[in-house]
Amino acid sequence: MPEDKKLDRSTEYLANERTFLAWLRTCIALMGLGFVVARFSLFLREFGIIAKNQAMPTNISAHSFSTWLGVSMIGLGILLLIYSLANYLKAQKAIEAGIYVPRHNIMYFATIGLVVFGVIVIFYLALISTG
């Protein structure tokens, strides 16, 4: 094909890049939230100790529910980050070849995963507020 007849795919490349950057921001937010959730129980324990004016017990389990939930959210963020890079690279090659077909499965999995984490956090917050 002559150079002037070649399709200009710059908008597709830029859209692919914006999509990757959006996934990157989502992963950063998810990992940041995971860190906050993981440290939430530590904050509550310290706040309770300060409010009661007691010394911190030495036998407190470092692996509370919120710690595991937070670590899981960070892990999900890392997995989504790896997937988003792989998806970006595959889409880049498909755009170059002119055979790009969008895939929507990750949107469903990410949404379901975040809904599950949200429900777990709601139950956890309900448990600690009543107990």
N, C-alpha and C. Protein backbone atom coordinates (compact mmCIF):
# COMPACT_ATOMS: atom_id res chain seq x y z
N MET A 1 0.84 -1.17 0.00
CA MET A 1 0.00 0.00 0.00
C MET A 1 0.89 1.25 0.00
N PRO A 2 0.57 2.22 -0.80
CA PRO A 2 1.36 3.46 -0.76
C PRO A 2 1.20 4.16 0.57
N GLU A 3 2.19 4.95 0.93
CA GLU A 3 2.22 5.65 2.22
C GLU A 3 1.01 6.55 2.42
N ASP A 4 0.55 7.25 1.38
CA ASP A 4 -0.58 8.17 1.54
C ASP A 4 -1.90 7.43 1.70
N LYS A 5 -1.99 6.17 1.30
CA LYS A 5 -3.22 5.39 1.42
C LYS A 5 -3.28 4.60 2.74
N LYS A 6 -2.17 4.55 3.48
CA LYS A 6 -2.15 3.82 4.75
C LYS A 6 -3.12 4.44 5.74
N LEU A 7 -3.76 3.60 6.50
CA LEU A 7 -4.69 4.09 7.53
C LEU A 7 -3.92 4.75 8.65
N ASP A 8 -4.44 5.86 9.11
CA ASP A 8 -3.86 6.53 10.25
C ASP A 8 -4.49 5.94 11.51
N ARG A 9 -3.73 5.19 12.26
CA ARG A 9 -4.22 4.52 13.46
C ARG A 9 -3.78 5.24 14.74
N SER A 10 -3.35 6.48 14.60
CA SER A 10 -2.86 7.20 15.78
C SER A 10 -3.93 7.35 16.85
N THR A 11 -5.19 7.56 16.45
CA THR A 11 -6.25 7.68 17.46
C THR A 11 -6.46 6.37 18.21
N GLU A 12 -6.31 5.25 17.50
CA GLU A 12 -6.44 3.95 18.15
C GLU A 12 -5.29 3.71 19.13
N TYR A 13 -4.09 4.08 18.74
CA TYR A 13 -2.94 3.94 19.63
C TYR A 13 -3.11 4.80 20.89
N LEU A 14 -3.56 6.03 20.67
CA LEU A 14 -3.75 6.93 21.81
C LEU A 14 -4.88 6.45 22.72
N ALA A 15 -5.94 5.92 22.14
CA ALA A 15 -7.03 5.38 22.96
C ALA A 15 -6.55 4.18 23.78
N ASN A 16 -5.72 3.35 23.16
CA ASN A 16 -5.16 2.20 23.87
C ASN A 16 -4.29 2.68 25.03
N GLU A 17 -3.51 3.73 24.79
CA GLU A 17 -2.67 4.27 25.84
C GLU A 17 -3.50 4.87 26.97
N ARG A 18 -4.56 5.60 26.64
CA ARG A 18 -5.44 6.17 27.67
C ARG A 18 -6.11 5.07 28.49
N THR A 19 -6.49 4.00 27.83
CA THR A 19 -7.11 2.89 28.54
C THR A 19 -6.12 2.27 29.53
N PHE A 20 -4.88 2.08 29.09
CA PHE A 20 -3.87 1.54 29.98
C PHE A 20 -3.64 2.47 31.18
N LEU A 21 -3.57 3.77 30.92
CA LEU A 21 -3.36 4.72 32.01
C LEU A 21 -4.54 4.74 32.98
N ALA A 22 -5.75 4.54 32.46
CA ALA A 22 -6.93 4.47 33.34
C ALA A 22 -6.84 3.23 34.24
N TRP A 23 -6.43 2.10 33.67
CA TRP A 23 -6.24 0.89 34.47
C TRP A 23 -5.14 1.11 35.50
N LEU A 24 -4.09 1.81 35.11
CA LEU A 24 -2.99 2.09 36.03
C LEU A 24 -3.49 2.91 37.22
N ARG A 25 -4.27 3.94 36.96
CA ARG A 25 -4.83 4.76 38.04
C ARG A 25 -5.74 3.93 38.94
N THR A 26 -6.53 3.06 38.34
CA THR A 26 -7.42 2.20 39.11
C THR A 26 -6.62 1.28 40.02
N CYS A 27 -5.55 0.71 39.50
CA CYS A 27 -4.72 -0.19 40.29
C CYS A 27 -4.04 0.54 41.44
N ILE A 28 -3.56 1.74 41.18
CA ILE A 28 -2.94 2.54 42.23
C ILE A 28 -3.96 2.85 43.33
N ALA A 29 -5.17 3.22 42.94
CA ALA A 29 -6.21 3.53 43.92
C ALA A 29 -6.58 2.28 44.73
N LEU A 30 -6.68 1.15 44.07
CA LEU A 30 -7.03 -0.10 44.75
C LEU A 30 -5.94 -0.51 45.73
N MET A 31 -4.70 -0.38 45.32
CA MET A 31 -3.60 -0.74 46.22
C MET A 31 -3.50 0.25 47.38
N GLY A 32 -3.74 1.53 47.12
CA GLY A 32 -3.75 2.51 48.20
C GLY A 32 -4.86 2.25 49.20
N LEU A 33 -6.04 1.93 48.69
CA LEU A 33 -7.16 1.60 49.57
C LEU A 33 -6.86 0.33 50.36
N GLY A 34 -6.23 -0.63 49.71
CA GLY A 34 -5.84 -1.85 50.41
C GLY A 34 -4.90 -1.56 51.57
N PHE A 35 -3.96 -0.64 51.36
CA PHE A 35 -3.05 -0.26 52.43
C PHE A 35 -3.82 0.38 53.59
N VAL A 36 -4.74 1.25 53.26
CA VAL A 36 -5.54 1.91 54.30
C VAL A 36 -6.36 0.88 55.08
N VAL A 37 -6.98 -0.04 54.38
CA VAL A 37 -7.78 -1.07 55.04
C VAL A 37 -6.89 -1.95 55.92
N ALA A 38 -5.70 -2.28 55.43
CA ALA A 38 -4.79 -3.13 56.21
C ALA A 38 -4.35 -2.43 57.49
N ARG A 39 -4.21 -1.14 57.45
CA ARG A 39 -3.77 -0.39 58.63
C ARG A 39 -4.93 0.09 59.50
N PHE A 40 -6.15 -0.13 59.05
CA PHE A 40 -7.32 0.36 59.78
C PHE A 40 -7.43 -0.29 61.16
N SER A 41 -7.20 -1.59 61.26
CA SER A 41 -7.33 -2.27 62.55
C SER A 41 -6.25 -1.79 63.51
N LEU A 42 -5.06 -1.51 63.00
CA LEU A 42 -4.00 -0.98 63.85
C LEU A 42 -4.42 0.38 64.43
N PHE A 43 -5.02 1.22 63.58
CA PHE A 43 -5.52 2.52 64.05
C PHE A 43 -6.58 2.33 65.13
N LEU A 44 -7.52 1.42 64.89
CA LEU A 44 -8.59 1.21 65.87
C LEU A 44 -8.03 0.70 67.20
N ARG A 45 -7.06 -0.22 67.13
CA ARG A 45 -6.46 -0.74 68.36
C ARG A 45 -5.74 0.37 69.12
N GLU A 46 -4.95 1.16 68.42
CA GLU A 46 -4.22 2.24 69.08
C GLU A 46 -5.18 3.29 69.64
N PHE A 47 -6.21 3.61 68.87
CA PHE A 47 -7.20 4.58 69.35
C PHE A 47 -7.90 4.06 70.60
N GLY A 48 -8.25 2.78 70.61
CA GLY A 48 -8.89 2.18 71.79
C GLY A 48 -7.99 2.19 72.99
N ILE A 49 -6.72 1.93 72.79
CA ILE A 49 -5.76 1.92 73.89
C ILE A 49 -5.56 3.32 74.43
N ILE A 50 -5.46 4.29 73.54
CA ILE A 50 -5.29 5.68 73.98
C ILE A 50 -6.53 6.15 74.72
N ALA A 51 -7.71 5.80 74.19
CA ALA A 51 -8.96 6.23 74.83
C ALA A 51 -9.10 5.61 76.22
N LYS A 52 -8.63 4.38 76.37
CA LYS A 52 -8.71 3.70 77.68
C LYS A 52 -7.48 3.98 78.53
N ASN A 53 -6.47 4.65 77.94
CA ASN A 53 -5.25 5.03 78.64
C ASN A 53 -4.53 3.81 79.19
N GLN A 54 -4.36 2.79 78.34
CA GLN A 54 -3.70 1.55 78.73
C GLN A 54 -2.43 1.38 77.92
N ALA A 55 -1.61 0.44 78.35
CA ALA A 55 -0.42 0.06 77.58
C ALA A 55 -0.84 -0.93 76.50
N MET A 56 -0.14 -0.90 75.37
CA MET A 56 -0.48 -1.80 74.27
C MET A 56 -0.06 -3.22 74.62
N PRO A 57 -1.00 -4.17 74.54
CA PRO A 57 -0.66 -5.57 74.82
C PRO A 57 0.34 -6.09 73.78
N THR A 58 1.19 -7.00 74.21
CA THR A 58 2.21 -7.52 73.29
C THR A 58 1.71 -8.71 72.50
N ASN A 59 0.57 -9.29 72.85
CA ASN A 59 0.08 -10.48 72.16
C ASN A 59 -0.97 -10.19 71.10
N ILE A 60 -1.05 -8.95 70.61
CA ILE A 60 -2.02 -8.61 69.57
C ILE A 60 -1.60 -9.27 68.27
N SER A 61 -2.54 -9.94 67.64
CA SER A 61 -2.25 -10.60 66.37
C SER A 61 -2.05 -9.56 65.27
N ALA A 62 -0.93 -9.67 64.58
CA ALA A 62 -0.64 -8.71 63.49
C ALA A 62 -1.43 -9.05 62.24
N HIS A 63 -2.04 -10.23 62.21
CA HIS A 63 -2.76 -10.67 61.01
C HIS A 63 -4.26 -10.68 61.25
N SER A 64 -4.82 -9.53 61.51
CA SER A 64 -6.25 -9.42 61.73
C SER A 64 -6.98 -9.50 60.39
N PHE A 65 -8.29 -9.52 60.47
CA PHE A 65 -9.11 -9.63 59.27
C PHE A 65 -8.86 -8.47 58.31
N SER A 66 -8.77 -7.26 58.84
CA SER A 66 -8.57 -6.12 57.96
C SER A 66 -7.19 -6.16 57.30
N THR A 67 -6.21 -6.71 57.99
CA THR A 67 -4.88 -6.86 57.38
C THR A 67 -4.97 -7.77 56.17
N TRP A 68 -5.63 -8.90 56.33
CA TRP A 68 -5.75 -9.84 55.21
C TRP A 68 -6.60 -9.27 54.08
N LEU A 69 -7.65 -8.55 54.44
CA LEU A 69 -8.48 -7.92 53.42
C LEU A 69 -7.67 -6.88 52.65
N GLY A 70 -6.92 -6.06 53.36
CA GLY A 70 -6.09 -5.04 52.72
C GLY A 70 -5.03 -5.65 51.82
N VAL A 71 -4.37 -6.70 52.31
CA VAL A 71 -3.36 -7.37 51.50
C VAL A 71 -4.00 -7.99 50.26
N SER A 72 -5.21 -8.53 50.40
CA SER A 72 -5.92 -9.09 49.24
C SER A 72 -6.23 -8.00 48.22
N MET A 73 -6.61 -6.83 48.69
CA MET A 73 -6.90 -5.73 47.76
C MET A 73 -5.63 -5.28 47.05
N ILE A 74 -4.53 -5.25 47.76
CA ILE A 74 -3.27 -4.90 47.13
C ILE A 74 -2.90 -5.96 46.09
N GLY A 75 -3.10 -7.23 46.44
CA GLY A 75 -2.84 -8.32 45.49
C GLY A 75 -3.71 -8.21 44.25
N LEU A 76 -4.99 -7.89 44.44
CA LEU A 76 -5.88 -7.70 43.30
C LEU A 76 -5.40 -6.55 42.43
N GLY A 77 -4.94 -5.47 43.07
CA GLY A 77 -4.40 -4.34 42.31
C GLY A 77 -3.19 -4.74 41.48
N ILE A 78 -2.32 -5.56 42.06
CA ILE A 78 -1.13 -6.02 41.33
C ILE A 78 -1.54 -6.90 40.16
N LEU A 79 -2.48 -7.82 40.39
CA LEU A 79 -2.94 -8.69 39.30
C LEU A 79 -3.59 -7.90 38.18
N LEU A 80 -4.40 -6.91 38.54
CA LEU A 80 -5.02 -6.06 37.52
C LEU A 80 -3.97 -5.25 36.76
N LEU A 81 -2.93 -4.84 37.45
CA LEU A 81 -1.85 -4.10 36.80
C LEU A 81 -1.12 -4.98 35.79
N ILE A 82 -0.84 -6.20 36.16
CA ILE A 82 -0.19 -7.14 35.22
C ILE A 82 -1.10 -7.40 34.03
N TYR A 83 -2.39 -7.63 34.32
CA TYR A 83 -3.33 -7.85 33.22
C TYR A 83 -3.41 -6.64 32.30
N SER A 84 -3.45 -5.45 32.87
CA SER A 84 -3.60 -4.25 32.04
C SER A 84 -2.39 -4.05 31.13
N LEU A 85 -1.20 -4.36 31.62
CA LEU A 85 -0.02 -4.26 30.76
C LEU A 85 -0.08 -5.29 29.64
N ALA A 86 -0.45 -6.52 29.97
CA ALA A 86 -0.57 -7.56 28.94
C ALA A 86 -1.65 -7.18 27.92
N ASN A 87 -2.76 -6.64 28.39
CA ASN A 87 -3.84 -6.23 27.49
C ASN A 87 -3.39 -5.09 26.60
N TYR A 88 -2.65 -4.14 27.16
CA TYR A 88 -2.13 -3.01 26.38
C TYR A 88 -1.22 -3.51 25.25
N LEU A 89 -0.32 -4.44 25.59
CA LEU A 89 0.62 -4.95 24.59
C LEU A 89 -0.10 -5.75 23.50
N LYS A 90 -1.07 -6.58 23.90
CA LYS A 90 -1.85 -7.35 22.92
C LYS A 90 -2.66 -6.43 22.01
N ALA A 91 -3.27 -5.41 22.61
CA ALA A 91 -4.06 -4.47 21.82
C ALA A 91 -3.16 -3.70 20.86
N GLN A 92 -1.97 -3.34 21.30
CA GLN A 92 -1.03 -2.62 20.45
C GLN A 92 -0.69 -3.45 19.21
N LYS A 93 -0.41 -4.72 19.42
CA LYS A 93 -0.08 -5.61 18.29
C LYS A 93 -1.29 -5.80 17.37
N ALA A 94 -2.47 -5.93 17.96
CA ALA A 94 -3.68 -6.11 17.16
C ALA A 94 -4.00 -4.86 16.36
N ILE A 95 -3.77 -3.68 16.94
CA ILE A 95 -4.00 -2.44 16.21
C ILE A 95 -3.04 -2.35 15.04
N GLU A 96 -1.78 -2.69 15.27
CA GLU A 96 -0.79 -2.66 14.19
C GLU A 96 -1.17 -3.60 13.06
N ALA A 97 -1.73 -4.77 13.43
CA ALA A 97 -2.13 -5.75 12.42
C ALA A 97 -3.49 -5.42 11.81
N GLY A 98 -4.23 -4.48 12.41
CA GLY A 98 -5.54 -4.11 11.89
C GLY A 98 -6.63 -5.10 12.23
N ILE A 99 -6.44 -5.87 13.30
CA ILE A 99 -7.41 -6.92 13.67
C ILE A 99 -7.90 -6.78 15.12
N TYR A 100 -7.92 -5.58 15.65
CA TYR A 100 -8.29 -5.39 17.04
C TYR A 100 -9.76 -5.71 17.28
N VAL A 101 -10.01 -6.52 18.32
CA VAL A 101 -11.36 -6.84 18.77
C VAL A 101 -11.38 -6.62 20.28
N PRO A 102 -12.26 -5.74 20.78
CA PRO A 102 -12.26 -5.47 22.23
C PRO A 102 -12.70 -6.68 23.04
N ARG A 103 -12.13 -6.81 24.24
CA ARG A 103 -12.49 -7.88 25.18
C ARG A 103 -13.07 -7.22 26.43
N HIS A 104 -14.15 -7.78 26.91
CA HIS A 104 -14.84 -7.17 28.05
C HIS A 104 -14.80 -8.03 29.31
N ASN A 105 -14.19 -9.20 29.25
CA ASN A 105 -14.21 -10.10 30.41
C ASN A 105 -13.59 -9.48 31.65
N ILE A 106 -12.47 -8.77 31.49
CA ILE A 106 -11.81 -8.21 32.67
C ILE A 106 -12.68 -7.18 33.36
N MET A 107 -13.50 -6.48 32.61
CA MET A 107 -14.39 -5.51 33.25
C MET A 107 -15.38 -6.21 34.16
N TYR A 108 -15.87 -7.36 33.72
CA TYR A 108 -16.81 -8.11 34.55
C TYR A 108 -16.11 -8.65 35.79
N PHE A 109 -14.93 -9.24 35.62
CA PHE A 109 -14.19 -9.80 36.75
C PHE A 109 -13.78 -8.71 37.74
N ALA A 110 -13.31 -7.59 37.25
CA ALA A 110 -12.89 -6.50 38.14
C ALA A 110 -14.09 -5.94 38.91
N THR A 111 -15.20 -5.78 38.23
CA THR A 111 -16.40 -5.27 38.89
C THR A 111 -16.89 -6.23 39.96
N ILE A 112 -16.95 -7.50 39.63
CA ILE A 112 -17.40 -8.50 40.61
C ILE A 112 -16.43 -8.56 41.79
N GLY A 113 -15.13 -8.52 41.51
CA GLY A 113 -14.14 -8.54 42.58
C GLY A 113 -14.27 -7.36 43.51
N LEU A 114 -14.47 -6.17 42.94
CA LEU A 114 -14.60 -4.98 43.77
C LEU A 114 -15.91 -4.96 44.56
N VAL A 115 -16.97 -5.50 43.97
CA VAL A 115 -18.23 -5.60 44.69
C VAL A 115 -18.07 -6.55 45.88
N VAL A 116 -17.40 -7.68 45.66
CA VAL A 116 -17.18 -8.63 46.75
C VAL A 116 -16.36 -7.98 47.86
N PHE A 117 -15.28 -7.29 47.51
CA PHE A 117 -14.48 -6.61 48.52
C PHE A 117 -15.29 -5.54 49.24
N GLY A 118 -16.12 -4.81 48.51
CA GLY A 118 -16.96 -3.79 49.13
C GLY A 118 -17.93 -4.38 50.13
N VAL A 119 -18.56 -5.49 49.78
CA VAL A 119 -19.50 -6.16 50.69
C VAL A 119 -18.77 -6.67 51.92
N ILE A 120 -17.58 -7.24 51.74
CA ILE A 120 -16.81 -7.72 52.88
C ILE A 120 -16.44 -6.57 53.81
N VAL A 121 -16.04 -5.44 53.24
CA VAL A 121 -15.69 -4.27 54.06
C VAL A 121 -16.92 -3.77 54.81
N ILE A 122 -18.07 -3.75 54.17
CA ILE A 122 -19.30 -3.31 54.85
C ILE A 122 -19.61 -4.22 56.04
N PHE A 123 -19.51 -5.55 55.83
CA PHE A 123 -19.77 -6.47 56.94
C PHE A 123 -18.73 -6.30 58.05
N TYR A 124 -17.48 -6.11 57.66
CA TYR A 124 -16.43 -5.92 58.66
C TYR A 124 -16.68 -4.65 59.48
N LEU A 125 -17.01 -3.57 58.81
CA LEU A 125 -17.30 -2.32 59.52
C LEU A 125 -18.53 -2.45 60.42
N ALA A 126 -19.52 -3.19 59.95
CA ALA A 126 -20.71 -3.43 60.78
C ALA A 126 -20.37 -4.24 62.01
N LEU A 127 -19.46 -5.23 61.86
CA LEU A 127 -19.06 -6.06 62.99
C LEU A 127 -18.27 -5.28 64.02
N ILE A 128 -17.34 -4.43 63.57
CA ILE A 128 -16.52 -3.72 64.54
C ILE A 128 -17.29 -2.58 65.21
N SER A 129 -18.33 -2.08 64.53
CA SER A 129 -19.10 -1.00 65.17
C SER A 129 -20.07 -1.53 66.21
N THR A 130 -20.48 -2.79 66.07
CA THR A 130 -21.39 -3.37 67.06
C THR A 130 -20.63 -4.09 68.19
N GLY A 131 -19.38 -4.43 67.94
CA GLY A 131 -18.63 -5.20 68.93
C GLY A 131 -17.69 -4.45 69.71
